Amino acid sequence: MSTATPTRPSAARERVLETAFSLFYARGIRAVGVDLIVAESGVAKATFYKHFPAKDDLVVAYLDKVDGIWTGQLRQAAQAAGDAPAAQLVGLFDALGTACRREGYRGCAFINAAAESQPGTPVHDRTVAHKAAVLTWVRDLAEQAGAQDPQSLARSLTLLLDGGLASGALDASPEAPEAARACARALVAAATGATAPVD
């Protein structure tokens, strides 16, 4: 068994990633070039390429970071709704309300990245992997909640979630997350045959 301690990411790599995180989300991936990231992060170009040999490597690292944050927020919102899986399926939509109210909100980083990338590229594949992981998690919750067709319920709820994320960027309506949550409640109740409110 190895006794080696895990290596910490270098400070320069973290500066580059933090800079890219802000710029990619605010301006879009294509609009932000390597030169801007190098200038804003304060690292040498050689240092940038040491950690990220290609821009796509940085974009994938950015999406990994977004995934950790957003997936964590979804799971926390679900868990805050209680132990019942049906309630968690509705509760996860509270993360949508929090996200859409955030200053500088520009929609789902994965949907944005998918719109700017070609199918079959590492960036596009990363967006697909994220959406597939969320769908699997929601399907597992739907199965635990006793849904007659967990896959169908999960597909409906994740489409609703993505629609809410898009709506928050398009019209910034504070009612959108509430409407999405209400729809989720109705979908979960219908799919599980609940006679009492699920949240």
N, C-alpha and C. Protein backbone atom coordinates (compact mmCIF):
# COMPACT_ATOMS: atom_id res chain seq x y z
N MET A 1 0.84 -1.18 0.00
CA MET A 1 0.00 0.00 0.00
C MET A 1 0.88 1.24 0.00
N SER A 2 0.56 2.17 -0.87
CA SER A 2 1.38 3.38 -1.01
C SER A 2 1.20 4.30 0.20
N THR A 3 2.33 4.88 0.64
CA THR A 3 2.27 5.84 1.75
C THR A 3 2.42 7.27 1.24
N ALA A 4 2.45 7.42 -0.07
CA ALA A 4 2.61 8.75 -0.65
C ALA A 4 1.39 9.60 -0.36
N THR A 5 1.65 10.85 -0.03
CA THR A 5 0.53 11.76 0.21
C THR A 5 0.08 12.36 -1.11
N PRO A 6 -1.22 12.65 -1.24
CA PRO A 6 -1.71 13.21 -2.49
C PRO A 6 -1.05 14.57 -2.74
N THR A 7 -0.73 14.81 -4.00
CA THR A 7 -0.11 16.09 -4.32
C THR A 7 -1.18 17.18 -4.41
N ARG A 8 -0.85 18.33 -3.85
CA ARG A 8 -1.77 19.46 -3.91
C ARG A 8 -1.59 20.17 -5.24
N PRO A 9 -2.69 20.66 -5.81
CA PRO A 9 -2.55 21.43 -7.05
C PRO A 9 -1.67 22.65 -6.79
N SER A 10 -0.88 23.01 -7.77
CA SER A 10 0.01 24.15 -7.60
C SER A 10 -0.81 25.44 -7.51
N ALA A 11 -0.23 26.44 -6.86
CA ALA A 11 -0.90 27.73 -6.72
C ALA A 11 -1.14 28.36 -8.09
N ALA A 12 -0.19 28.19 -9.00
CA ALA A 12 -0.34 28.76 -10.34
C ALA A 12 -1.50 28.11 -11.08
N ARG A 13 -1.61 26.78 -10.97
CA ARG A 13 -2.72 26.09 -11.63
C ARG A 13 -4.05 26.57 -11.08
N GLU A 14 -4.12 26.72 -9.76
CA GLU A 14 -5.36 27.17 -9.14
C GLU A 14 -5.72 28.60 -9.56
N ARG A 15 -4.71 29.46 -9.72
CA ARG A 15 -4.97 30.83 -10.18
C ARG A 15 -5.53 30.83 -11.59
N VAL A 16 -4.94 30.01 -12.44
CA VAL A 16 -5.44 29.91 -13.82
C VAL A 16 -6.88 29.41 -13.82
N LEU A 17 -7.15 28.37 -13.04
CA LEU A 17 -8.48 27.78 -13.01
C LEU A 17 -9.51 28.75 -12.44
N GLU A 18 -9.17 29.46 -11.38
CA GLU A 18 -10.09 30.44 -10.80
C GLU A 18 -10.38 31.56 -11.79
N THR A 19 -9.35 32.01 -12.50
CA THR A 19 -9.53 33.06 -13.51
C THR A 19 -10.43 32.57 -14.63
N ALA A 20 -10.16 31.37 -15.12
CA ALA A 20 -10.98 30.80 -16.18
C ALA A 20 -12.42 30.60 -15.72
N PHE A 21 -12.58 30.18 -14.48
CA PHE A 21 -13.92 29.96 -13.92
C PHE A 21 -14.75 31.24 -14.04
N SER A 22 -14.18 32.36 -13.65
CA SER A 22 -14.90 33.63 -13.71
C SER A 22 -15.13 34.09 -15.14
N LEU A 23 -14.09 34.03 -15.95
CA LEU A 23 -14.19 34.55 -17.31
C LEU A 23 -15.06 33.70 -18.22
N PHE A 24 -14.89 32.38 -18.17
CA PHE A 24 -15.69 31.50 -19.02
C PHE A 24 -17.17 31.66 -18.73
N TYR A 25 -17.52 31.72 -17.45
CA TYR A 25 -18.94 31.81 -17.11
C TYR A 25 -19.51 33.17 -17.49
N ALA A 26 -18.76 34.23 -17.26
CA ALA A 26 -19.27 35.58 -17.50
C ALA A 26 -19.31 35.94 -18.99
N ARG A 27 -18.31 35.46 -19.74
CA ARG A 27 -18.18 35.92 -21.14
C ARG A 27 -18.41 34.84 -22.18
N GLY A 28 -18.33 33.58 -21.77
CA GLY A 28 -18.43 32.50 -22.74
C GLY A 28 -17.05 31.92 -23.03
N ILE A 29 -17.02 30.66 -23.39
CA ILE A 29 -15.75 29.96 -23.58
C ILE A 29 -15.02 30.45 -24.82
N ARG A 30 -15.71 30.60 -25.92
CA ARG A 30 -15.05 31.02 -27.15
C ARG A 30 -14.54 32.45 -27.07
N ALA A 31 -15.24 33.29 -26.32
CA ALA A 31 -14.87 34.71 -26.24
C ALA A 31 -13.62 34.95 -25.40
N VAL A 32 -13.21 33.96 -24.64
CA VAL A 32 -12.07 34.11 -23.73
C VAL A 32 -10.89 33.31 -24.26
N GLY A 33 -9.83 34.01 -24.61
CA GLY A 33 -8.64 33.36 -25.14
C GLY A 33 -7.60 33.09 -24.07
N VAL A 34 -6.62 32.30 -24.44
CA VAL A 34 -5.54 31.95 -23.52
C VAL A 34 -4.79 33.20 -23.07
N ASP A 35 -4.55 34.13 -23.98
CA ASP A 35 -3.79 35.34 -23.63
C ASP A 35 -4.48 36.12 -22.52
N LEU A 36 -5.80 36.23 -22.58
CA LEU A 36 -6.54 36.95 -21.55
C LEU A 36 -6.43 36.22 -20.20
N ILE A 37 -6.56 34.91 -20.23
CA ILE A 37 -6.46 34.14 -18.98
C ILE A 37 -5.06 34.27 -18.38
N VAL A 38 -4.04 34.22 -19.23
CA VAL A 38 -2.66 34.38 -18.76
C VAL A 38 -2.48 35.75 -18.13
N ALA A 39 -2.98 36.79 -18.81
CA ALA A 39 -2.82 38.15 -18.29
C ALA A 39 -3.58 38.34 -16.98
N GLU A 40 -4.81 37.85 -16.92
CA GLU A 40 -5.64 38.05 -15.73
C GLU A 40 -5.16 37.22 -14.54
N SER A 41 -4.59 36.05 -14.81
CA SER A 41 -4.14 35.17 -13.72
C SER A 41 -2.75 35.53 -13.23
N GLY A 42 -1.99 36.24 -14.07
CA GLY A 42 -0.64 36.64 -13.67
C GLY A 42 0.40 35.55 -13.77
N VAL A 43 0.12 34.49 -14.51
CA VAL A 43 1.11 33.43 -14.69
C VAL A 43 1.78 33.57 -16.05
N ALA A 44 2.95 33.01 -16.18
CA ALA A 44 3.63 33.02 -17.48
C ALA A 44 2.92 32.05 -18.42
N LYS A 45 3.03 32.35 -19.71
CA LYS A 45 2.37 31.48 -20.68
C LYS A 45 2.92 30.06 -20.62
N ALA A 46 4.23 29.94 -20.38
CA ALA A 46 4.83 28.61 -20.26
C ALA A 46 4.24 27.84 -19.08
N THR A 47 3.97 28.57 -18.00
CA THR A 47 3.35 27.94 -16.82
C THR A 47 1.93 27.49 -17.15
N PHE A 48 1.21 28.34 -17.86
CA PHE A 48 -0.15 27.96 -18.29
C PHE A 48 -0.12 26.64 -19.04
N TYR A 49 0.75 26.56 -20.06
CA TYR A 49 0.77 25.37 -20.91
C TYR A 49 1.35 24.15 -20.19
N LYS A 50 2.12 24.38 -19.16
CA LYS A 50 2.62 23.25 -18.35
C LYS A 50 1.43 22.54 -17.69
N HIS A 51 0.47 23.32 -17.21
CA HIS A 51 -0.68 22.74 -16.52
C HIS A 51 -1.84 22.40 -17.46
N PHE A 52 -1.96 23.16 -18.53
CA PHE A 52 -3.06 22.95 -19.48
C PHE A 52 -2.48 23.00 -20.90
N PRO A 53 -2.06 21.87 -21.43
CA PRO A 53 -1.42 21.85 -22.76
C PRO A 53 -2.29 22.42 -23.88
N ALA A 54 -3.61 22.37 -23.71
CA ALA A 54 -4.53 22.94 -24.70
C ALA A 54 -5.66 23.64 -23.96
N LYS A 55 -6.29 24.58 -24.63
CA LYS A 55 -7.39 25.31 -24.01
C LYS A 55 -8.50 24.35 -23.58
N ASP A 56 -8.77 23.33 -24.38
CA ASP A 56 -9.82 22.36 -24.02
C ASP A 56 -9.53 21.69 -22.69
N ASP A 57 -8.26 21.47 -22.37
CA ASP A 57 -7.91 20.88 -21.07
C ASP A 57 -8.37 21.79 -19.94
N LEU A 58 -8.20 23.09 -20.13
CA LEU A 58 -8.65 24.06 -19.13
C LEU A 58 -10.17 24.10 -19.05
N VAL A 59 -10.83 24.04 -20.20
CA VAL A 59 -12.29 24.07 -20.21
C VAL A 59 -12.86 22.86 -19.47
N VAL A 60 -12.27 21.70 -19.70
CA VAL A 60 -12.74 20.49 -19.01
C VAL A 60 -12.50 20.61 -17.50
N ALA A 61 -11.36 21.17 -17.11
CA ALA A 61 -11.10 21.38 -15.68
C ALA A 61 -12.09 22.37 -15.08
N TYR A 62 -12.43 23.39 -15.83
CA TYR A 62 -13.46 24.36 -15.42
C TYR A 62 -14.80 23.66 -15.21
N LEU A 63 -15.18 22.81 -16.15
CA LEU A 63 -16.45 22.09 -16.04
C LEU A 63 -16.43 21.10 -14.88
N ASP A 64 -15.27 20.50 -14.61
CA ASP A 64 -15.14 19.63 -13.43
C ASP A 64 -15.43 20.42 -12.16
N LYS A 65 -14.90 21.63 -12.09
CA LYS A 65 -15.10 22.50 -10.92
C LYS A 65 -16.58 22.88 -10.79
N VAL A 66 -17.19 23.27 -11.90
CA VAL A 66 -18.62 23.62 -11.88
C VAL A 66 -19.44 22.41 -11.44
N ASP A 67 -19.09 21.24 -11.95
CA ASP A 67 -19.81 20.01 -11.61
C ASP A 67 -19.80 19.79 -10.10
N GLY A 68 -18.63 19.93 -9.50
CA GLY A 68 -18.53 19.73 -8.06
C GLY A 68 -19.41 20.68 -7.28
N ILE A 69 -19.45 21.93 -7.72
CA ILE A 69 -20.26 22.94 -7.02
C ILE A 69 -21.74 22.69 -7.22
N TRP A 70 -22.17 22.55 -8.48
CA TRP A 70 -23.61 22.44 -8.78
C TRP A 70 -24.19 21.12 -8.27
N THR A 71 -23.46 20.02 -8.47
CA THR A 71 -23.95 18.74 -7.97
C THR A 71 -24.07 18.78 -6.45
N GLY A 72 -23.11 19.41 -5.79
CA GLY A 72 -23.18 19.56 -4.34
C GLY A 72 -24.39 20.36 -3.91
N GLN A 73 -24.69 21.43 -4.64
CA GLN A 73 -25.86 22.25 -4.30
C GLN A 73 -27.16 21.48 -4.50
N LEU A 74 -27.24 20.71 -5.57
CA LEU A 74 -28.44 19.89 -5.81
C LEU A 74 -28.65 18.87 -4.69
N ARG A 75 -27.58 18.19 -4.32
CA ARG A 75 -27.68 17.16 -3.28
C ARG A 75 -27.99 17.77 -1.92
N GLN A 76 -27.41 18.93 -1.62
CA GLN A 76 -27.71 19.59 -0.35
C GLN A 76 -29.17 20.02 -0.29
N ALA A 77 -29.68 20.56 -1.39
CA ALA A 77 -31.08 20.97 -1.42
C ALA A 77 -32.01 19.77 -1.26
N ALA A 78 -31.65 18.66 -1.90
CA ALA A 78 -32.47 17.45 -1.78
C ALA A 78 -32.46 16.94 -0.34
N GLN A 79 -31.28 16.88 0.28
CA GLN A 79 -31.17 16.38 1.65
C GLN A 79 -31.87 17.29 2.65
N ALA A 80 -31.89 18.59 2.37
CA ALA A 80 -32.55 19.54 3.27
C ALA A 80 -34.06 19.34 3.28
N ALA A 81 -34.59 18.67 2.26
CA ALA A 81 -36.03 18.42 2.18
C ALA A 81 -36.48 17.27 3.07
N GLY A 82 -35.52 16.54 3.64
CA GLY A 82 -35.87 15.42 4.52
C GLY A 82 -35.38 14.10 3.99
N ASP A 83 -35.76 13.04 4.67
CA ASP A 83 -35.27 11.71 4.33
C ASP A 83 -36.07 11.02 3.22
N ALA A 84 -37.31 11.46 3.00
CA ALA A 84 -38.16 10.78 2.02
C ALA A 84 -37.68 11.09 0.60
N PRO A 85 -37.41 10.07 -0.21
CA PRO A 85 -36.95 10.31 -1.58
C PRO A 85 -37.89 11.18 -2.41
N ALA A 86 -39.21 11.02 -2.22
CA ALA A 86 -40.16 11.84 -2.98
C ALA A 86 -39.99 13.32 -2.63
N ALA A 87 -39.80 13.60 -1.35
CA ALA A 87 -39.58 14.98 -0.93
C ALA A 87 -38.26 15.51 -1.46
N GLN A 88 -37.25 14.66 -1.54
CA GLN A 88 -35.95 15.08 -2.06
C GLN A 88 -36.04 15.42 -3.55
N LEU A 89 -36.87 14.70 -4.28
CA LEU A 89 -37.04 14.98 -5.71
C LEU A 89 -37.62 16.37 -5.94
N VAL A 90 -38.44 16.81 -5.02
CA VAL A 90 -39.00 18.17 -5.10
C VAL A 90 -38.02 19.17 -4.50
N GLY A 91 -37.41 18.81 -3.39
CA GLY A 91 -36.50 19.70 -2.69
C GLY A 91 -35.29 20.11 -3.49
N LEU A 92 -34.82 19.24 -4.39
CA LEU A 92 -33.64 19.59 -5.17
C LEU A 92 -33.87 20.84 -6.01
N PHE A 93 -35.13 21.16 -6.28
CA PHE A 93 -35.45 22.35 -7.06
C PHE A 93 -35.20 23.64 -6.28
N ASP A 94 -34.98 23.53 -4.98
CA ASP A 94 -34.61 24.72 -4.21
C ASP A 94 -33.23 25.23 -4.63
N ALA A 95 -32.38 24.34 -5.13
CA ALA A 95 -31.07 24.75 -5.64
C ALA A 95 -31.23 25.64 -6.87
N LEU A 96 -32.28 25.38 -7.63
CA LEU A 96 -32.56 26.20 -8.81
C LEU A 96 -32.87 27.64 -8.41
N GLY A 97 -33.71 27.80 -7.39
CA GLY A 97 -34.05 29.14 -6.92
C GLY A 97 -32.83 29.90 -6.43
N THR A 98 -31.96 29.21 -5.71
CA THR A 98 -30.73 29.84 -5.20
C THR A 98 -29.82 30.25 -6.35
N ALA A 99 -29.67 29.38 -7.34
CA ALA A 99 -28.78 29.67 -8.47
C ALA A 99 -29.28 30.86 -9.28
N CYS A 100 -30.57 30.88 -9.56
CA CYS A 100 -31.11 31.94 -10.43
C CYS A 100 -31.08 33.31 -9.76
N ARG A 101 -31.03 33.36 -8.45
CA ARG A 101 -30.98 34.65 -7.74
C ARG A 101 -29.55 35.17 -7.59
N ARG A 102 -28.57 34.35 -7.93
CA ARG A 102 -27.18 34.75 -7.75
C ARG A 102 -26.81 35.88 -8.71
N GLU A 103 -26.08 36.87 -8.22
CA GLU A 103 -25.65 37.98 -9.07
C GLU A 103 -24.71 37.46 -10.16
N GLY A 104 -24.93 37.91 -11.38
CA GLY A 104 -24.10 37.46 -12.49
C GLY A 104 -24.55 36.14 -13.08
N TYR A 105 -25.73 35.65 -12.68
CA TYR A 105 -26.22 34.36 -13.18
C TYR A 105 -26.41 34.40 -14.69
N ARG A 106 -25.84 33.41 -15.38
CA ARG A 106 -25.94 33.34 -16.84
C ARG A 106 -26.41 31.97 -17.31
N GLY A 107 -27.18 31.29 -16.49
CA GLY A 107 -27.70 30.00 -16.90
C GLY A 107 -26.77 28.86 -16.53
N CYS A 108 -27.07 27.70 -17.09
CA CYS A 108 -26.31 26.48 -16.80
C CYS A 108 -24.99 26.49 -17.55
N ALA A 109 -23.89 26.38 -16.83
CA ALA A 109 -22.57 26.38 -17.46
C ALA A 109 -22.41 25.22 -18.44
N PHE A 110 -23.07 24.10 -18.17
CA PHE A 110 -22.95 22.93 -19.04
C PHE A 110 -23.74 23.12 -20.33
N ILE A 111 -24.93 23.68 -20.23
CA ILE A 111 -25.70 23.97 -21.44
C ILE A 111 -24.96 25.01 -22.28
N ASN A 112 -24.41 26.02 -21.61
CA ASN A 112 -23.65 27.05 -22.33
C ASN A 112 -22.45 26.44 -23.03
N ALA A 113 -21.73 25.55 -22.33
CA ALA A 113 -20.55 24.92 -22.93
C ALA A 113 -20.94 24.02 -24.09
N ALA A 114 -22.04 23.30 -23.95
CA ALA A 114 -22.49 22.42 -25.03
C ALA A 114 -22.83 23.22 -26.28
N ALA A 115 -23.42 24.41 -26.09
CA ALA A 115 -23.78 25.25 -27.23
C ALA A 115 -22.54 25.78 -27.95
N GLU A 116 -21.41 25.82 -27.26
CA GLU A 116 -20.19 26.36 -27.85
C GLU A 116 -19.21 25.28 -28.28
N SER A 117 -19.59 24.04 -28.20
CA SER A 117 -18.66 22.95 -28.54
C SER A 117 -19.30 22.00 -29.55
N GLN A 118 -18.44 21.24 -30.20
CA GLN A 118 -18.90 20.27 -31.19
C GLN A 118 -19.06 18.89 -30.56
N PRO A 119 -20.10 18.16 -30.93
CA PRO A 119 -20.25 16.79 -30.44
C PRO A 119 -19.00 15.97 -30.74
N GLY A 120 -18.62 15.13 -29.78
CA GLY A 120 -17.45 14.29 -29.95
C GLY A 120 -16.16 14.88 -29.44
N THR A 121 -16.20 16.15 -29.02
CA THR A 121 -15.01 16.78 -28.45
C THR A 121 -14.98 16.54 -26.94
N PRO A 122 -13.81 16.66 -26.31
CA PRO A 122 -13.74 16.45 -24.86
C PRO A 122 -14.67 17.38 -24.07
N VAL A 123 -14.80 18.62 -24.52
CA VAL A 123 -15.67 19.57 -23.82
C VAL A 123 -17.13 19.13 -23.92
N HIS A 124 -17.57 18.78 -25.12
CA HIS A 124 -18.96 18.36 -25.28
C HIS A 124 -19.22 17.06 -24.52
N ASP A 125 -18.27 16.14 -24.59
CA ASP A 125 -18.41 14.87 -23.86
C ASP A 125 -18.55 15.11 -22.35
N ARG A 126 -17.82 16.11 -21.85
CA ARG A 126 -17.89 16.42 -20.40
C ARG A 126 -19.27 16.95 -20.03
N THR A 127 -19.87 17.75 -20.90
CA THR A 127 -21.21 18.27 -20.61
C THR A 127 -22.22 17.12 -20.60
N VAL A 128 -22.08 16.22 -21.55
CA VAL A 128 -23.00 15.07 -21.63
C VAL A 128 -22.84 14.19 -20.39
N ALA A 129 -21.60 13.98 -19.95
CA ALA A 129 -21.35 13.14 -18.78
C ALA A 129 -21.99 13.75 -17.53
N HIS A 130 -21.92 15.07 -17.39
CA HIS A 130 -22.55 15.72 -16.24
C HIS A 130 -24.06 15.51 -16.25
N LYS A 131 -24.68 15.78 -17.38
CA LYS A 131 -26.14 15.64 -17.46
C LYS A 131 -26.56 14.19 -17.24
N ALA A 132 -25.78 13.24 -17.72
CA ALA A 132 -26.09 11.82 -17.52
C ALA A 132 -25.98 11.45 -16.05
N ALA A 133 -24.99 12.01 -15.35
CA ALA A 133 -24.82 11.71 -13.92
C ALA A 133 -25.98 12.26 -13.10
N VAL A 134 -26.43 13.46 -13.43
CA VAL A 134 -27.58 14.04 -12.72
C VAL A 134 -28.82 13.19 -12.98
N LEU A 135 -29.02 12.79 -14.23
CA LEU A 135 -30.17 11.97 -14.58
C LEU A 135 -30.15 10.65 -13.81
N THR A 136 -29.00 10.01 -13.70
CA THR A 136 -28.88 8.75 -12.97
C THR A 136 -29.23 8.94 -11.50
N TRP A 137 -28.72 10.00 -10.90
CA TRP A 137 -29.00 10.28 -9.49
C TRP A 137 -30.50 10.50 -9.28
N VAL A 138 -31.12 11.30 -10.14
CA VAL A 138 -32.55 11.58 -10.01
C VAL A 138 -33.36 10.30 -10.25
N ARG A 139 -32.93 9.48 -11.20
CA ARG A 139 -33.63 8.21 -11.45
C ARG A 139 -33.55 7.30 -10.24
N ASP A 140 -32.40 7.26 -9.58
CA ASP A 140 -32.26 6.44 -8.38
C ASP A 140 -33.21 6.93 -7.28
N LEU A 141 -33.31 8.25 -7.13
CA LEU A 141 -34.25 8.81 -6.14
C LEU A 141 -35.69 8.45 -6.52
N ALA A 142 -35.99 8.54 -7.81
CA ALA A 142 -37.35 8.22 -8.27
C ALA A 142 -37.69 6.76 -8.00
N GLU A 143 -36.72 5.89 -8.19
CA GLU A 143 -36.92 4.47 -7.90
C GLU A 143 -37.17 4.26 -6.41
N GLN A 144 -36.37 4.92 -5.57
CA GLN A 144 -36.54 4.82 -4.12
C GLN A 144 -37.89 5.38 -3.68
N ALA A 145 -38.39 6.37 -4.43
CA ALA A 145 -39.68 6.99 -4.09
C ALA A 145 -40.86 6.14 -4.53
N GLY A 146 -40.59 5.06 -5.26
CA GLY A 146 -41.67 4.17 -5.69
C GLY A 146 -42.36 4.59 -6.97
N ALA A 147 -41.68 5.37 -7.80
CA ALA A 147 -42.27 5.78 -9.07
C ALA A 147 -42.51 4.56 -9.95
N GLN A 148 -43.64 4.56 -10.65
CA GLN A 148 -43.96 3.44 -11.53
C GLN A 148 -42.96 3.34 -12.68
N ASP A 149 -42.51 4.48 -13.18
CA ASP A 149 -41.53 4.53 -14.27
C ASP A 149 -40.44 5.52 -13.87
N PRO A 150 -39.45 5.07 -13.09
CA PRO A 150 -38.42 5.98 -12.59
C PRO A 150 -37.66 6.73 -13.68
N GLN A 151 -37.38 6.03 -14.79
CA GLN A 151 -36.62 6.67 -15.88
C GLN A 151 -37.41 7.83 -16.48
N SER A 152 -38.69 7.61 -16.69
CA SER A 152 -39.54 8.65 -17.28
C SER A 152 -39.68 9.85 -16.33
N LEU A 153 -39.86 9.58 -15.05
CA LEU A 153 -39.96 10.66 -14.08
C LEU A 153 -38.65 11.43 -14.01
N ALA A 154 -37.54 10.71 -13.98
CA ALA A 154 -36.24 11.38 -13.92
C ALA A 154 -36.01 12.24 -15.15
N ARG A 155 -36.36 11.72 -16.31
CA ARG A 155 -36.20 12.50 -17.55
C ARG A 155 -37.04 13.76 -17.49
N SER A 156 -38.27 13.64 -17.03
CA SER A 156 -39.16 14.81 -16.94
C SER A 156 -38.61 15.84 -15.95
N LEU A 157 -38.13 15.38 -14.81
CA LEU A 157 -37.63 16.31 -13.79
C LEU A 157 -36.35 17.00 -14.23
N THR A 158 -35.45 16.27 -14.90
CA THR A 158 -34.21 16.90 -15.34
C THR A 158 -34.46 17.86 -16.50
N LEU A 159 -35.42 17.55 -17.35
CA LEU A 159 -35.80 18.52 -18.39
C LEU A 159 -36.38 19.78 -17.76
N LEU A 160 -37.17 19.60 -16.73
CA LEU A 160 -37.75 20.73 -16.01
C LEU A 160 -36.66 21.55 -15.34
N LEU A 161 -35.69 20.87 -14.77
CA LEU A 161 -34.56 21.56 -14.12
C LEU A 161 -33.77 22.37 -15.14
N ASP A 162 -33.46 21.76 -16.29
CA ASP A 162 -32.72 22.47 -17.33
C ASP A 162 -33.52 23.65 -17.88
N GLY A 163 -34.83 23.46 -18.02
CA GLY A 163 -35.67 24.56 -18.47
C GLY A 163 -35.69 25.71 -17.48
N GLY A 164 -35.70 25.38 -16.20
CA GLY A 164 -35.66 26.41 -15.17
C GLY A 164 -34.34 27.16 -15.17
N LEU A 165 -33.24 26.44 -15.40
CA LEU A 165 -31.93 27.07 -15.47
C LEU A 165 -31.87 28.03 -16.66
N ALA A 166 -32.42 27.60 -17.79
CA ALA A 166 -32.43 28.45 -18.99
C ALA A 166 -33.33 29.67 -18.79
N SER A 167 -34.50 29.45 -18.21
CA SER A 167 -35.43 30.55 -17.98
C SER A 167 -34.83 31.60 -17.06
N GLY A 168 -34.10 31.16 -16.06
CA GLY A 168 -33.48 32.09 -15.13
C GLY A 168 -32.50 33.02 -15.81
N ALA A 169 -31.86 32.52 -16.88
CA ALA A 169 -30.91 33.35 -17.63
C ALA A 169 -31.61 34.23 -18.65
N LEU A 170 -32.72 33.74 -19.21
CA LEU A 170 -33.41 34.48 -20.27
C LEU A 170 -34.24 35.64 -19.74
N ASP A 171 -35.06 35.37 -18.75
CA ASP A 171 -35.96 36.43 -18.29
C ASP A 171 -35.75 36.83 -16.83
N ALA A 172 -34.88 36.10 -16.15
CA ALA A 172 -34.57 36.41 -14.75
C ALA A 172 -35.83 36.55 -13.90
N SER A 173 -36.87 35.82 -14.25
CA SER A 173 -38.11 35.90 -13.50
C SER A 173 -37.99 35.13 -12.19
N PRO A 174 -38.27 35.77 -11.07
CA PRO A 174 -38.19 35.06 -9.79
C PRO A 174 -39.25 33.98 -9.65
N GLU A 175 -40.29 34.07 -10.49
CA GLU A 175 -41.35 33.05 -10.41
C GLU A 175 -40.95 31.74 -11.08
N ALA A 176 -39.95 31.77 -11.97
CA ALA A 176 -39.59 30.57 -12.73
C ALA A 176 -39.19 29.40 -11.82
N PRO A 177 -38.28 29.60 -10.85
CA PRO A 177 -37.92 28.47 -9.99
C PRO A 177 -39.11 27.96 -9.17
N GLU A 178 -39.97 28.87 -8.74
CA GLU A 178 -41.15 28.45 -7.98
C GLU A 178 -42.09 27.63 -8.85
N ALA A 179 -42.27 28.07 -10.10
CA ALA A 179 -43.13 27.33 -11.02
C ALA A 179 -42.55 25.96 -11.32
N ALA A 180 -41.23 25.89 -11.48
CA ALA A 180 -40.58 24.60 -11.75
C ALA A 180 -40.76 23.65 -10.56
N ARG A 181 -40.63 24.20 -9.36
CA ARG A 181 -40.79 23.38 -8.15
C ARG A 181 -42.22 22.85 -8.03
N ALA A 182 -43.19 23.72 -8.34
CA ALA A 182 -44.59 23.30 -8.29
C ALA A 182 -44.87 22.20 -9.31
N CYS A 183 -44.31 22.34 -10.50
CA CYS A 183 -44.47 21.29 -11.52
C CYS A 183 -43.82 19.99 -11.07
N ALA A 184 -42.64 20.11 -10.46
CA ALA A 184 -41.95 18.91 -9.96
C ALA A 184 -42.80 18.20 -8.91
N ARG A 185 -43.42 18.97 -8.02
CA ARG A 185 -44.26 18.39 -6.99
C ARG A 185 -45.41 17.60 -7.62
N ALA A 186 -46.03 18.18 -8.65
CA ALA A 186 -47.16 17.50 -9.31
C ALA A 186 -46.69 16.24 -10.04
N LEU A 187 -45.54 16.32 -10.70
CA LEU A 187 -45.00 15.16 -11.41
C LEU A 187 -44.67 14.02 -10.45
N VAL A 188 -44.04 14.37 -9.34
CA VAL A 188 -43.65 13.34 -8.37
C VAL A 188 -44.90 12.70 -7.75
N ALA A 189 -45.88 13.53 -7.41
CA ALA A 189 -47.11 12.99 -6.83
C ALA A 189 -47.82 12.05 -7.79
N ALA A 190 -47.89 12.45 -9.06
CA ALA A 190 -48.57 11.61 -10.05
C ALA A 190 -47.80 10.31 -10.29
N ALA A 191 -46.48 10.40 -10.32
CA ALA A 191 -45.67 9.21 -10.63
C ALA A 191 -45.60 8.22 -9.48
N THR A 192 -45.77 8.72 -8.26
CA THR A 192 -45.66 7.83 -7.09
C THR A 192 -47.02 7.50 -6.49
N GLY A 193 -48.09 8.10 -7.02
CA GLY A 193 -49.42 7.84 -6.50
C GLY A 193 -49.63 8.42 -5.12
N ALA A 194 -48.88 9.49 -4.80
CA ALA A 194 -49.01 10.10 -3.48
C ALA A 194 -50.35 10.79 -3.31
N THR A 195 -50.96 10.58 -2.18
CA THR A 195 -52.24 11.24 -1.89
C THR A 195 -52.05 12.44 -0.99
N ALA A 196 -50.86 12.56 -0.42
CA ALA A 196 -50.53 13.71 0.43
C ALA A 196 -49.41 14.49 -0.22
N PRO A 197 -49.25 15.77 0.11
CA PRO A 197 -48.15 16.56 -0.46
C PRO A 197 -46.81 15.89 -0.22
N VAL A 198 -45.93 15.99 -1.21
CA VAL A 198 -44.64 15.30 -1.10
C VAL A 198 -43.56 16.22 -0.52
N ASP A 199 -43.93 17.42 -0.09
CA ASP A 199 -42.93 18.27 0.55
C ASP A 199 -43.57 19.11 1.63
